[in-house]
Amino acid sequence: MLDGLRLRAERAGLKAWIDTRLAQRDSLVVDDLANSVDFVLAFAVVHELPSAVNFFREAEVAMRPGAQLLLVEPKGHVGNDKFLKELAAAGEAGLSEADCPVVAGSHAVLLRKRAA
């Protein structure tokens, strides 16, 4: 899947803007990205991870102050209670709600890292 994404990014002229990485079960493997990421997309993935808390903590460390994270979870797999727990984990990591975009059939929220 990552090779396919890299190929599509190259064809679209976006290869320089996209960094693909194979995460480990307990790590995003982004230690080298501290305060350098402008945007994180978490689309239908956080509910699959062993720890939402760890995900949001690692994402927050990688994000620049003011950077955004779009969290989208499918309503068919993630109930309201679970989504609210994910939002609480994001808040514990220092991310706050910036907007609530509409994504059909999904829970969605745009989160922002506090500015420095």
PDB file of N, CA and C in Angstrom:
ATOM      1  N   MET A   1       0.814  -1.188   0.000  1.00  0.00           N
ATOM      2  CA  MET A   1       0.000   0.000   0.000  1.00  0.00           C
ATOM      3  C   MET A   1       0.860   1.255   0.000  1.00  0.00           C
ATOM      4  N   LEU A   2       1.943   1.225   0.760  1.00  0.00           N
ATOM      5  CA  LEU A   2       2.810   2.402   0.788  1.00  0.00           C
ATOM      6  C   LEU A   2       3.469   2.647  -0.560  1.00  0.00           C
ATOM      7  N   ASP A   3       3.891   1.569  -1.235  1.00  0.00           N
ATOM      8  CA  ASP A   3       4.475   1.732  -2.571  1.00  0.00           C
ATOM      9  C   ASP A   3       3.465   2.344  -3.531  1.00  0.00           C
ATOM     10  N   GLY A   4       2.224   1.902  -3.447  1.00  0.00           N
ATOM     11  CA  GLY A   4       1.173   2.458  -4.297  1.00  0.00           C
ATOM     12  C   GLY A   4       0.944   3.934  -4.012  1.00  0.00           C
ATOM     13  N   LEU A   5       0.948   4.301  -2.741  1.00  0.00           N
ATOM     14  CA  LEU A   5       0.781   5.707  -2.366  1.00  0.00           C
ATOM     15  C   LEU A   5       1.940   6.546  -2.885  1.00  0.00           C
ATOM     16  N   ARG A   6       3.146   6.038  -2.752  1.00  0.00           N
ATOM     17  CA  ARG A   6       4.319   6.768  -3.254  1.00  0.00           C
ATOM     18  C   ARG A   6       4.219   6.983  -4.763  1.00  0.00           C
ATOM     19  N   LEU A   7       3.792   5.967  -5.480  1.00  0.00           N
ATOM     20  CA  LEU A   7       3.651   6.069  -6.936  1.00  0.00           C
ATOM     21  C   LEU A   7       2.593   7.108  -7.310  1.00  0.00           C
ATOM     22  N   ARG A   8       1.445   7.061  -6.634  1.00  0.00           N
ATOM     23  CA  ARG A   8       0.389   8.041  -6.917  1.00  0.00           C
ATOM     24  C   ARG A   8       0.853   9.459  -6.576  1.00  0.00           C
ATOM     25  N   ALA A   9       1.584   9.606  -5.465  1.00  0.00           N
ATOM     26  CA  ALA A   9       2.092  10.923  -5.088  1.00  0.00           C
ATOM     27  C   ALA A   9       3.076  11.448  -6.134  1.00  0.00           C
ATOM     28  N   GLU A  10       3.921  10.555  -6.637  1.00  0.00           N
ATOM     29  CA  GLU A  10       4.883  10.967  -7.657  1.00  0.00           C
ATOM     30  C   GLU A  10       4.160  11.408  -8.929  1.00  0.00           C
ATOM     31  N   ARG A  11       3.182  10.630  -9.348  1.00  0.00           N
ATOM     32  CA  ARG A  11       2.422  10.974 -10.566  1.00  0.00           C
ATOM     33  C   ARG A  11       1.686  12.302 -10.424  1.00  0.00           C
ATOM     34  N   ALA A  12       1.269  12.616  -9.197  1.00  0.00           N
ATOM     35  CA  ALA A  12       0.532  13.865  -8.947  1.00  0.00           C
ATOM     36  C   ALA A  12       1.460  15.043  -8.658  1.00  0.00           C
ATOM     37  N   GLY A  13       2.777  14.792  -8.675  1.00  0.00           N
ATOM     38  CA  GLY A  13       3.728  15.853  -8.394  1.00  0.00           C
ATOM     39  C   GLY A  13       3.789  16.232  -6.919  1.00  0.00           C
ATOM     40  N   LEU A  14       3.414  15.320  -6.048  1.00  0.00           N
ATOM     41  CA  LEU A  14       3.357  15.600  -4.609  1.00  0.00           C
ATOM     42  C   LEU A  14       4.381  14.812  -3.792  1.00  0.00           C
ATOM     43  N   LYS A  15       5.239  14.091  -4.444  1.00  0.00           N
ATOM     44  CA  LYS A  15       6.168  13.204  -3.740  1.00  0.00           C
ATOM     45  C   LYS A  15       6.987  13.939  -2.684  1.00  0.00           C
ATOM     46  N   ALA A  16       7.403  15.159  -2.969  1.00  0.00           N
ATOM     47  CA  ALA A  16       8.216  15.926  -2.024  1.00  0.00           C
ATOM     48  C   ALA A  16       7.422  16.352  -0.794  1.00  0.00           C
ATOM     49  N   TRP A  17       6.109  16.303  -0.852  1.00  0.00           N
ATOM     50  CA  TRP A  17       5.250  16.768   0.239  1.00  0.00           C
ATOM     51  C   TRP A  17       4.726  15.639   1.123  1.00  0.00           C
ATOM     52  N   ILE A  18       4.952  14.406   0.727  1.00  0.00           N
ATOM     53  CA  ILE A  18       4.391  13.272   1.459  1.00  0.00           C
ATOM     54  C   ILE A  18       5.511  12.366   1.950  1.00  0.00           C
ATOM     55  N   ASP A  19       5.479  12.082   3.244  1.00  0.00           N
ATOM     56  CA  ASP A  19       6.458  11.192   3.857  1.00  0.00           C
ATOM     57  C   ASP A  19       5.708   9.944   4.307  1.00  0.00           C
ATOM     58  N   THR A  20       5.973   8.828   3.662  1.00  0.00           N
ATOM     59  CA  THR A  20       5.306   7.582   4.035  1.00  0.00           C
ATOM     60  C   THR A  20       6.224   6.772   4.933  1.00  0.00           C
ATOM     61  N   ARG A  21       5.634   6.178   5.968  1.00  0.00           N
ATOM     62  CA  ARG A  21       6.400   5.365   6.919  1.00  0.00           C
ATOM     63  C   ARG A  21       5.560   4.181   7.345  1.00  0.00           C
ATOM     64  N   LEU A  22       6.219   3.096   7.578  1.00  0.00           N
ATOM     65  CA  LEU A  22       5.559   1.916   8.106  1.00  0.00           C
ATOM     66  C   LEU A  22       5.645   1.976   9.629  1.00  0.00           C
ATOM     67  N   ALA A  23       4.510   2.214  10.268  1.00  0.00           N
ATOM     68  CA  ALA A  23       4.472   2.306  11.725  1.00  0.00           C
ATOM     69  C   ALA A  23       4.625   0.918  12.344  1.00  0.00           C
ATOM     70  N   GLN A  24       5.074   0.912  13.576  1.00  0.00           N
ATOM     71  CA  GLN A  24       5.153  -0.318  14.353  1.00  0.00           C
ATOM     72  C   GLN A  24       3.897  -0.425  15.221  1.00  0.00           C
ATOM     73  N   ARG A  25       3.678  -1.555  15.803  1.00  0.00           N
ATOM     74  CA  ARG A  25       2.486  -1.750  16.624  1.00  0.00           C
ATOM     75  C   ARG A  25       2.369  -0.713  17.736  1.00  0.00           C
ATOM     76  N   ASP A  26       3.488  -0.341  18.338  1.00  0.00           N
ATOM     77  CA  ASP A  26       3.454   0.567  19.476  1.00  0.00           C
ATOM     78  C   ASP A  26       4.143   1.908  19.211  1.00  0.00           C
ATOM     79  N   SER A  27       4.404   2.222  17.946  1.00  0.00           N
ATOM     80  CA  SER A  27       5.087   3.473  17.622  1.00  0.00           C
ATOM     81  C   SER A  27       4.793   3.907  16.188  1.00  0.00           C
ATOM     82  N   LEU A  28       4.684   5.212  16.003  1.00  0.00           N
ATOM     83  CA  LEU A  28       4.533   5.763  14.658  1.00  0.00           C
ATOM     84  C   LEU A  28       5.869   5.858  13.934  1.00  0.00           C
ATOM     85  N   VAL A  29       6.957   5.701  14.664  1.00  0.00           N
ATOM     86  CA  VAL A  29       8.318   5.801  14.116  1.00  0.00           C
ATOM     87  C   VAL A  29       8.539   7.198  13.519  1.00  0.00           C
ATOM     88  N   VAL A  30       8.263   8.201  14.330  1.00  0.00           N
ATOM     89  CA  VAL A  30       8.416   9.590  13.885  1.00  0.00           C
ATOM     90  C   VAL A  30       9.286  10.416  14.835  1.00  0.00           C
ATOM     91  N   ASP A  31      10.153   9.753  15.584  1.00  0.00           N
ATOM     92  CA  ASP A  31      10.995  10.456  16.554  1.00  0.00           C
ATOM     93  C   ASP A  31      11.823  11.568  15.912  1.00  0.00           C
ATOM     94  N   ASP A  32      12.191  11.407  14.672  1.00  0.00           N
ATOM     95  CA  ASP A  32      13.028  12.394  13.982  1.00  0.00           C
ATOM     96  C   ASP A  32      12.247  13.602  13.465  1.00  0.00           C
ATOM     97  N   LEU A  33      10.936  13.634  13.663  1.00  0.00           N
ATOM     98  CA  LEU A  33      10.109  14.702  13.099  1.00  0.00           C
ATOM     99  C   LEU A  33       9.645  15.741  14.113  1.00  0.00           C
ATOM    100  N   ALA A  34      10.217  15.791  15.283  1.00  0.00           N
ATOM    101  CA  ALA A  34       9.755  16.700  16.330  1.00  0.00           C
ATOM    102  C   ALA A  34       9.573  18.125  15.816  1.00  0.00           C
ATOM    103  N   ASN A  35       8.378  18.661  16.057  1.00  0.00           N
ATOM    104  CA  ASN A  35       8.027  20.041  15.696  1.00  0.00           C
ATOM    105  C   ASN A  35       8.213  20.370  14.218  1.00  0.00           C
ATOM    106  N   SER A  36       7.987  19.399  13.331  1.00  0.00           N
ATOM    107  CA  SER A  36       8.212  19.673  11.908  1.00  0.00           C
ATOM    108  C   SER A  36       7.010  19.374  11.010  1.00  0.00           C
ATOM    109  N   VAL A  37       5.971  18.756  11.533  1.00  0.00           N
ATOM    110  CA  VAL A  37       4.839  18.332  10.708  1.00  0.00           C
ATOM    111  C   VAL A  37       3.734  19.397  10.750  1.00  0.00           C
ATOM    112  N   ASP A  38       3.228  19.757   9.565  1.00  0.00           N
ATOM    113  CA  ASP A  38       2.159  20.750   9.461  1.00  0.00           C
ATOM    114  C   ASP A  38       0.763  20.145   9.550  1.00  0.00           C
ATOM    115  N   PHE A  39       0.621  18.900   9.075  1.00  0.00           N
ATOM    116  CA  PHE A  39      -0.712  18.299   9.008  1.00  0.00           C
ATOM    117  C   PHE A  39      -0.612  16.791   9.156  1.00  0.00           C
ATOM    118  N   VAL A  40      -1.519  16.231   9.960  1.00  0.00           N
ATOM    119  CA  VAL A  40      -1.606  14.789  10.153  1.00  0.00           C
ATOM    120  C   VAL A  40      -3.011  14.360   9.765  1.00  0.00           C
ATOM    121  N   LEU A  41      -3.114  13.329   8.949  1.00  0.00           N
ATOM    122  CA  LEU A  41      -4.403  12.760   8.587  1.00  0.00           C
ATOM    123  C   LEU A  41      -4.532  11.398   9.247  1.00  0.00           C
ATOM    124  N   ALA A  42      -5.540  11.260  10.092  1.00  0.00           N
ATOM    125  CA  ALA A  42      -5.830   9.982  10.754  1.00  0.00           C
ATOM    126  C   ALA A  42      -7.223   9.563  10.298  1.00  0.00           C
ATOM    127  N   PHE A  43      -7.284   8.886   9.161  1.00  0.00           N
ATOM    128  CA  PHE A  43      -8.547   8.538   8.526  1.00  0.00           C
ATOM    129  C   PHE A  43      -8.844   7.057   8.756  1.00  0.00           C
ATOM    130  N   ALA A  44      -9.840   6.795   9.581  1.00  0.00           N
ATOM    131  CA  ALA A  44     -10.309   5.434   9.858  1.00  0.00           C
ATOM    132  C   ALA A  44      -9.195   4.535  10.360  1.00  0.00           C
ATOM    133  N   VAL A  45      -8.377   5.070  11.279  1.00  0.00           N
ATOM    134  CA  VAL A  45      -7.232   4.290  11.739  1.00  0.00           C
ATOM    135  C   VAL A  45      -7.086   4.239  13.256  1.00  0.00           C
ATOM    136  N   VAL A  46      -7.423   5.290  13.967  1.00  0.00           N
ATOM    137  CA  VAL A  46      -7.127   5.339  15.402  1.00  0.00           C
ATOM    138  C   VAL A  46      -7.824   4.213  16.150  1.00  0.00           C
ATOM    139  N   HIS A  47      -9.030   3.860  15.738  1.00  0.00           N
ATOM    140  CA  HIS A  47      -9.743   2.765  16.420  1.00  0.00           C
ATOM    141  C   HIS A  47      -9.057   1.412  16.227  1.00  0.00           C
ATOM    142  N   GLU A  48      -8.167   1.301  15.260  1.00  0.00           N
ATOM    143  CA  GLU A  48      -7.441   0.053  14.998  1.00  0.00           C
ATOM    144  C   GLU A  48      -6.156  -0.060  15.822  1.00  0.00           C
ATOM    145  N   LEU A  49      -5.735   1.024  16.435  1.00  0.00           N
ATOM    146  CA  LEU A  49      -4.471   1.058  17.159  1.00  0.00           C
ATOM    147  C   LEU A  49      -4.629   0.549  18.585  1.00  0.00           C
ATOM    148  N   PRO A  50      -3.566  -0.037  19.154  1.00  0.00           N
ATOM    149  CA  PRO A  50      -3.663  -0.527  20.527  1.00  0.00           C
ATOM    150  C   PRO A  50      -3.845   0.596  21.546  1.00  0.00           C
ATOM    151  N   SER A  51      -3.373   1.818  21.240  1.00  0.00           N
ATOM    152  CA  SER A  51      -3.478   2.921  22.190  1.00  0.00           C
ATOM    153  C   SER A  51      -3.675   4.254  21.467  1.00  0.00           C
ATOM    154  N   ALA A  52      -4.881   4.802  21.584  1.00  0.00           N
ATOM    155  CA  ALA A  52      -5.140   6.134  21.035  1.00  0.00           C
ATOM    156  C   ALA A  52      -4.280   7.169  21.746  1.00  0.00           C
ATOM    157  N   VAL A  53      -4.074   6.991  23.041  1.00  0.00           N
ATOM    158  CA  VAL A  53      -3.256   7.921  23.821  1.00  0.00           C
ATOM    159  C   VAL A  53      -1.847   8.001  23.243  1.00  0.00           C
ATOM    160  N   ASN A  54      -1.217   6.861  22.993  1.00  0.00           N
ATOM    161  CA  ASN A  54       0.136   6.863  22.422  1.00  0.00           C
ATOM    162  C   ASN A  54       0.157   7.499  21.044  1.00  0.00           C
ATOM    163  N   PHE A  55      -0.840   7.194  20.213  1.00  0.00           N
ATOM    164  CA  PHE A  55      -0.904   7.791  18.878  1.00  0.00           C
ATOM    165  C   PHE A  55      -0.913   9.317  18.963  1.00  0.00           C
ATOM    166  N   PHE A  56      -1.832   9.862  19.753  1.00  0.00           N
ATOM    167  CA  PHE A  56      -1.944  11.317  19.824  1.00  0.00           C
ATOM    168  C   PHE A  56      -0.721  11.959  20.457  1.00  0.00           C
ATOM    169  N   ARG A  57      -0.108  11.313  21.424  1.00  0.00           N
ATOM    170  CA  ARG A  57       1.115  11.861  22.029  1.00  0.00           C
ATOM    171  C   ARG A  57       2.237  11.939  21.007  1.00  0.00           C
ATOM    172  N   GLU A  58       2.425  10.861  20.236  1.00  0.00           N
ATOM    173  CA  GLU A  58       3.489  10.868  19.222  1.00  0.00           C
ATOM    174  C   GLU A  58       3.187  11.872  18.115  1.00  0.00           C
ATOM    175  N   ALA A  59       1.936  11.941  17.701  1.00  0.00           N
ATOM    176  CA  ALA A  59       1.555  12.901  16.657  1.00  0.00           C
ATOM    177  C   ALA A  59       1.804  14.323  17.138  1.00  0.00           C
ATOM    178  N   GLU A  60       1.437  14.615  18.371  1.00  0.00           N
ATOM    179  CA  GLU A  60       1.600  15.969  18.923  1.00  0.00           C
ATOM    180  C   GLU A  60       3.072  16.365  18.971  1.00  0.00           C
ATOM    181  N   VAL A  61       3.943  15.449  19.328  1.00  0.00           N
ATOM    182  CA  VAL A  61       5.381  15.744  19.376  1.00  0.00           C
ATOM    183  C   VAL A  61       5.898  16.075  17.974  1.00  0.00           C
ATOM    184  N   ALA A  62       5.414  15.370  16.975  1.00  0.00           N
ATOM    185  CA  ALA A  62       5.865  15.596  15.601  1.00  0.00           C
ATOM    186  C   ALA A  62       5.323  16.897  15.011  1.00  0.00           C
ATOM    187  N   MET A  63       4.177  17.356  15.509  1.00  0.00           N
ATOM    188  CA  MET A  63       3.512  18.524  14.936  1.00  0.00           C
ATOM    189  C   MET A  63       4.160  19.834  15.372  1.00  0.00           C
ATOM    190  N   ARG A  64       4.202  20.783  14.435  1.00  0.00           N
ATOM    191  CA  ARG A  64       4.638  22.143  14.757  1.00  0.00           C
ATOM    192  C   ARG A  64       3.548  22.816  15.596  1.00  0.00           C
ATOM    193  N   PRO A  65       3.895  23.841  16.358  1.00  0.00           N
ATOM    194  CA  PRO A  65       2.850  24.613  17.029  1.00  0.00           C
ATOM    195  C   PRO A  65       1.871  25.171  15.989  1.00  0.00           C
ATOM    196  N   GLY A  66       0.575  25.022  16.243  1.00  0.00           N
ATOM    197  CA  GLY A  66      -0.448  25.481  15.321  1.00  0.00           C
ATOM    198  C   GLY A  66      -0.805  24.484  14.228  1.00  0.00           C
ATOM    199  N   ALA A  67      -0.075  23.370  14.136  1.00  0.00           N
ATOM    200  CA  ALA A  67      -0.354  22.350  13.116  1.00  0.00           C
ATOM    201  C   ALA A  67      -1.717  21.699  13.391  1.00  0.00           C
ATOM    202  N   GLN A  68      -2.262  21.062  12.372  1.00  0.00           N
ATOM    203  CA  GLN A  68      -3.586  20.462  12.488  1.00  0.00           C
ATOM    204  C   GLN A  68      -3.559  18.957  12.250  1.00  0.00           C
ATOM    205  N   LEU A  69      -4.523  18.282  12.860  1.00  0.00           N
ATOM    206  CA  LEU A  69      -4.716  16.847  12.697  1.00  0.00           C
ATOM    207  C   LEU A  69      -6.184  16.616  12.400  1.00  0.00           C
ATOM    208  N   LEU A  70      -6.473  15.993  11.272  1.00  0.00           N
ATOM    209  CA  LEU A  70      -7.850  15.647  10.928  1.00  0.00           C
ATOM    210  C   LEU A  70      -8.098  14.211  11.345  1.00  0.00           C
ATOM    211  N   LEU A  71      -9.012  14.043  12.307  1.00  0.00           N
ATOM    212  CA  LEU A  71      -9.400  12.731  12.809  1.00  0.00           C
ATOM    213  C   LEU A  71     -10.756  12.375  12.229  1.00  0.00           C
ATOM    214  N   VAL A  72     -10.804  11.271  11.498  1.00  0.00           N
ATOM    215  CA  VAL A  72     -12.051  10.778  10.912  1.00  0.00           C
ATOM    216  C   VAL A  72     -12.181   9.304  11.257  1.00  0.00           C
ATOM    217  N   GLU A  73     -13.320   8.935  11.813  1.00  0.00           N
ATOM    218  CA  GLU A  73     -13.582   7.544  12.180  1.00  0.00           C
ATOM    219  C   GLU A  73     -14.942   7.128  11.622  1.00  0.00           C
ATOM    220  N   PRO A  74     -15.044   5.944  11.036  1.00  0.00           N
ATOM    221  CA  PRO A  74     -16.316   5.489  10.458  1.00  0.00           C
ATOM    222  C   PRO A  74     -17.335   5.168  11.554  1.00  0.00           C
ATOM    223  N   LYS A  75     -18.534   5.710  11.413  1.00  0.00           N
ATOM    224  CA  LYS A  75     -19.577   5.471  12.409  1.00  0.00           C
ATOM    225  C   LYS A  75     -19.940   3.994  12.513  1.00  0.00           C
ATOM    226  N   GLY A  76     -19.764   3.228  11.458  1.00  0.00           N
ATOM    227  CA  GLY A  76     -20.073   1.808  11.484  1.00  0.00           C
ATOM    228  C   GLY A  76     -19.140   0.999  12.371  1.00  0.00           C
ATOM    229  N   HIS A  77     -17.952   1.519  12.637  1.00  0.00           N
ATOM    230  CA  HIS A  77     -16.970   0.816  13.467  1.00  0.00           C
ATOM    231  C   HIS A  77     -16.742   1.495  14.821  1.00  0.00           C
ATOM    232  N   VAL A  78     -17.005   2.778  14.876  1.00  0.00           N
ATOM    233  CA  VAL A  78     -16.703   3.557  16.067  1.00  0.00           C
ATOM    234  C   VAL A  78     -17.972   4.255  16.554  1.00  0.00           C
ATOM    235  N   GLY A  79     -18.431   3.850  17.724  1.00  0.00           N
ATOM    236  CA  GLY A  79     -19.603   4.489  18.324  1.00  0.00           C
ATOM    237  C   GLY A  79     -19.252   5.841  18.925  1.00  0.00           C
ATOM    238  N   ASN A  80     -20.273   6.576  19.339  1.00  0.00           N
ATOM    239  CA  ASN A  80     -20.061   7.901  19.925  1.00  0.00           C
ATOM    240  C   ASN A  80     -19.152   7.852  21.149  1.00  0.00           C
ATOM    241  N   ASP A  81     -19.377   6.866  22.033  1.00  0.00           N
ATOM    242  CA  ASP A  81     -18.566   6.772  23.250  1.00  0.00           C
ATOM    243  C   ASP A  81     -17.092   6.580  22.928  1.00  0.00           C
ATOM    244  N   LYS A  82     -16.792   5.686  21.990  1.00  0.00           N
ATOM    245  CA  LYS A  82     -15.391   5.433  21.623  1.00  0.00           C
ATOM    246  C   LYS A  82     -14.778   6.676  20.987  1.00  0.00           C
ATOM    247  N   PHE A  83     -15.533   7.359  20.142  1.00  0.00           N
ATOM    248  CA  PHE A  83     -15.014   8.570  19.507  1.00  0.00           C
ATOM    249  C   PHE A  83     -14.726   9.644  20.564  1.00  0.00           C
ATOM    250  N   LEU A  84     -15.602   9.772  21.538  1.00  0.00           N
ATOM    251  CA  LEU A  84     -15.375  10.745  22.608  1.00  0.00           C
ATOM    252  C   LEU A  84     -14.132  10.386  23.425  1.00  0.00           C
ATOM    253  N   LYS A  85     -13.870   9.095  23.608  1.00  0.00           N
ATOM    254  CA  LYS A  85     -12.649   8.669  24.299  1.00  0.00           C
ATOM    255  C   LYS A  85     -11.411   9.036  23.480  1.00  0.00           C
ATOM    256  N   GLU A  86     -11.503   8.889  22.164  1.00  0.00           N
ATOM    257  CA  GLU A  86     -10.394   9.289  21.303  1.00  0.00           C
ATOM    258  C   GLU A  86     -10.153  10.790  21.413  1.00  0.00           C
ATOM    259  N   LEU A  87     -11.230  11.578  21.435  1.00  0.00           N
ATOM    260  CA  LEU A  87     -11.091  13.028  21.576  1.00  0.00           C
ATOM    261  C   LEU A  87     -10.462  13.393  22.924  1.00  0.00           C
ATOM    262  N   ALA A  88     -10.836  12.668  23.969  1.00  0.00           N
ATOM    263  CA  ALA A  88     -10.243  12.911  25.289  1.00  0.00           C
ATOM    264  C   ALA A  88      -8.741  12.601  25.257  1.00  0.00           C
ATOM    265  N   ALA A  89      -8.366  11.524  24.581  1.00  0.00           N
ATOM    266  CA  ALA A  89      -6.944  11.177  24.447  1.00  0.00           C
ATOM    267  C   ALA A  89      -6.199  12.267  23.685  1.00  0.00           C
ATOM    268  N   ALA A  90      -6.819  12.807  22.664  1.00  0.00           N
ATOM    269  CA  ALA A  90      -6.207  13.900  21.903  1.00  0.00           C
ATOM    270  C   ALA A  90      -6.020  15.125  22.791  1.00  0.00           C
ATOM    271  N   GLY A  91      -7.017  15.421  23.602  1.00  0.00           N
ATOM    272  CA  GLY A  91      -6.920  16.555  24.520  1.00  0.00           C
ATOM    273  C   GLY A  91      -5.812  16.376  25.538  1.00  0.00           C
ATOM    274  N   GLU A  92      -5.670  15.159  26.061  1.00  0.00           N
ATOM    275  CA  GLU A  92      -4.589  14.866  27.016  1.00  0.00           C
ATOM    276  C   GLU A  92      -3.216  15.088  26.382  1.00  0.00           C
ATOM    277  N   ALA A  93      -3.140  14.883  25.075  1.00  0.00           N
ATOM    278  CA  ALA A  93      -1.871  15.055  24.359  1.00  0.00           C
ATOM    279  C   ALA A  93      -1.602  16.507  23.984  1.00  0.00           C
ATOM    280  N   GLY A  94      -2.549  17.392  24.255  1.00  0.00           N
ATOM    281  CA  GLY A  94      -2.335  18.804  23.958  1.00  0.00           C
ATOM    282  C   GLY A  94      -2.976  19.288  22.678  1.00  0.00           C
ATOM    283  N   LEU A  95      -3.888  18.511  22.124  1.00  0.00           N
ATOM    284  CA  LEU A  95      -4.585  18.912  20.904  1.00  0.00           C
ATOM    285  C   LEU A  95      -5.989  19.385  21.279  1.00  0.00           C
ATOM    286  N   SER A  96      -6.433  20.448  20.649  1.00  0.00           N
ATOM    287  CA  SER A  96      -7.766  20.977  20.931  1.00  0.00           C
ATOM    288  C   SER A  96      -8.593  21.049  19.652  1.00  0.00           C
ATOM    289  N   GLU A  97      -9.894  21.004  19.821  1.00  0.00           N
ATOM    290  CA  GLU A  97     -10.815  21.015  18.692  1.00  0.00           C
ATOM    291  C   GLU A  97     -10.802  22.379  18.014  1.00  0.00           C
ATOM    292  N   ALA A  98     -10.609  22.374  16.694  1.00  0.00           N
ATOM    293  CA  ALA A  98     -10.590  23.604  15.916  1.00  0.00           C
ATOM    294  C   ALA A  98     -11.817  23.724  15.025  1.00  0.00           C
ATOM    295  N   ASP A  99     -12.359  22.585  14.584  1.00  0.00           N
ATOM    296  CA  ASP A  99     -13.501  22.602  13.664  1.00  0.00           C
ATOM    297  C   ASP A  99     -14.106  21.200  13.629  1.00  0.00           C
ATOM    298  N   CYS A 100     -15.326  21.122  13.146  1.00  0.00           N
ATOM    299  CA  CYS A 100     -16.008  19.830  12.986  1.00  0.00           C
ATOM    300  C   CYS A 100     -16.492  19.712  11.542  1.00  0.00           C
ATOM    301  N   PRO A 101     -15.615  19.289  10.642  1.00  0.00           N
ATOM    302  CA  PRO A 101     -16.025  19.131   9.249  1.00  0.00           C
ATOM    303  C   PRO A 101     -17.007  17.977   9.097  1.00  0.00           C
ATOM    304  N   VAL A 102     -17.802  18.023   8.054  1.00  0.00           N
ATOM    305  CA  VAL A 102     -18.761  16.956   7.767  1.00  0.00           C
ATOM    306  C   VAL A 102     -18.107  15.968   6.815  1.00  0.00           C
ATOM    307  N   VAL A 103     -18.036  14.718   7.244  1.00  0.00           N
ATOM    308  CA  VAL A 103     -17.542  13.636   6.408  1.00  0.00           C
ATOM    309  C   VAL A 103     -18.613  12.558   6.459  1.00  0.00           C
ATOM    310  N   ALA A 104     -19.243  12.289   5.331  1.00  0.00           N
ATOM    311  CA  ALA A 104     -20.387  11.385   5.272  1.00  0.00           C
ATOM    312  C   ALA A 104     -20.098  10.049   5.951  1.00  0.00           C
ATOM    313  N   GLY A 105     -21.024   9.631   6.813  1.00  0.00           N
ATOM    314  CA  GLY A 105     -20.923   8.337   7.470  1.00  0.00           C
ATOM    315  C   GLY A 105     -19.826   8.237   8.509  1.00  0.00           C
ATOM    316  N   SER A 106     -19.312   9.383   8.938  1.00  0.00           N
ATOM    317  CA  SER A 106     -18.153   9.377   9.835  1.00  0.00           C
ATOM    318  C   SER A 106     -18.288  10.395  10.955  1.00  0.00           C
ATOM    319  N   HIS A 107     -17.549  10.128  12.025  1.00  0.00           N
ATOM    320  CA  HIS A 107     -17.266  11.148  13.033  1.00  0.00           C
ATOM    321  C   HIS A 107     -16.042  11.880  12.506  1.00  0.00           C
ATOM    322  N   ALA A 108     -16.002  13.196  12.622  1.00  0.00           N
ATOM    323  CA  ALA A 108     -14.844  13.926  12.141  1.00  0.00           C
ATOM    324  C   ALA A 108     -14.604  15.164  12.992  1.00  0.00           C
ATOM    325  N   VAL A 109     -13.350  15.434  13.231  1.00  0.00           N
ATOM    326  CA  VAL A 109     -12.968  16.647  13.958  1.00  0.00           C
ATOM    327  C   VAL A 109     -11.578  17.076  13.487  1.00  0.00           C
ATOM    328  N   LEU A 110     -11.414  18.373  13.359  1.00  0.00           N
ATOM    329  CA  LEU A 110     -10.110  18.947  13.035  1.00  0.00           C
ATOM    330  C   LEU A 110      -9.513  19.431  14.356  1.00  0.00           C
ATOM    331  N   LEU A 111      -8.363  18.903  14.693  1.00  0.00           N
ATOM    332  CA  LEU A 111      -7.685  19.233  15.952  1.00  0.00           C
ATOM    333  C   LEU A 111      -6.483  20.118  15.648  1.00  0.00           C
ATOM    334  N   ARG A 112      -6.096  20.923  16.618  1.00  0.00           N
ATOM    335  CA  ARG A 112      -4.950  21.819  16.435  1.00  0.00           C
ATOM    336  C   ARG A 112      -4.027  21.721  17.644  1.00  0.00           C
ATOM    337  N   LYS A 113      -2.738  21.729  17.364  1.00  0.00           N
ATOM    338  CA  LYS A 113      -1.742  21.812  18.429  1.00  0.00           C
ATOM    339  C   LYS A 113      -1.655  23.274  18.865  1.00  0.00           C
ATOM    340  N   ARG A 114      -1.555  23.469  20.148  1.00  0.00           N
ATOM    341  CA  ARG A 114      -1.469  24.836  20.673  1.00  0.00           C
ATOM    342  C   ARG A 114      -0.270  25.553  20.086  1.00  0.00           C
ATOM    343  N   ALA A 115      -0.475  26.839  19.788  1.00  0.00           N
ATOM    344  CA  ALA A 115       0.623  27.655  19.280  1.00  0.00           C
ATOM    345  C   ALA A 115       1.642  27.869  20.392  1.00  0.00           C
ATOM    346  N   ALA A 116       2.877  28.077  20.009  1.00  0.00           N
ATOM    347  CA  ALA A 116       3.966  28.243  20.991  1.00  0.00           C
ATOM    348  C   ALA A 116       3.784  29.486  21.823  1.00  0.00           C
TER     349      ALA A 116
END
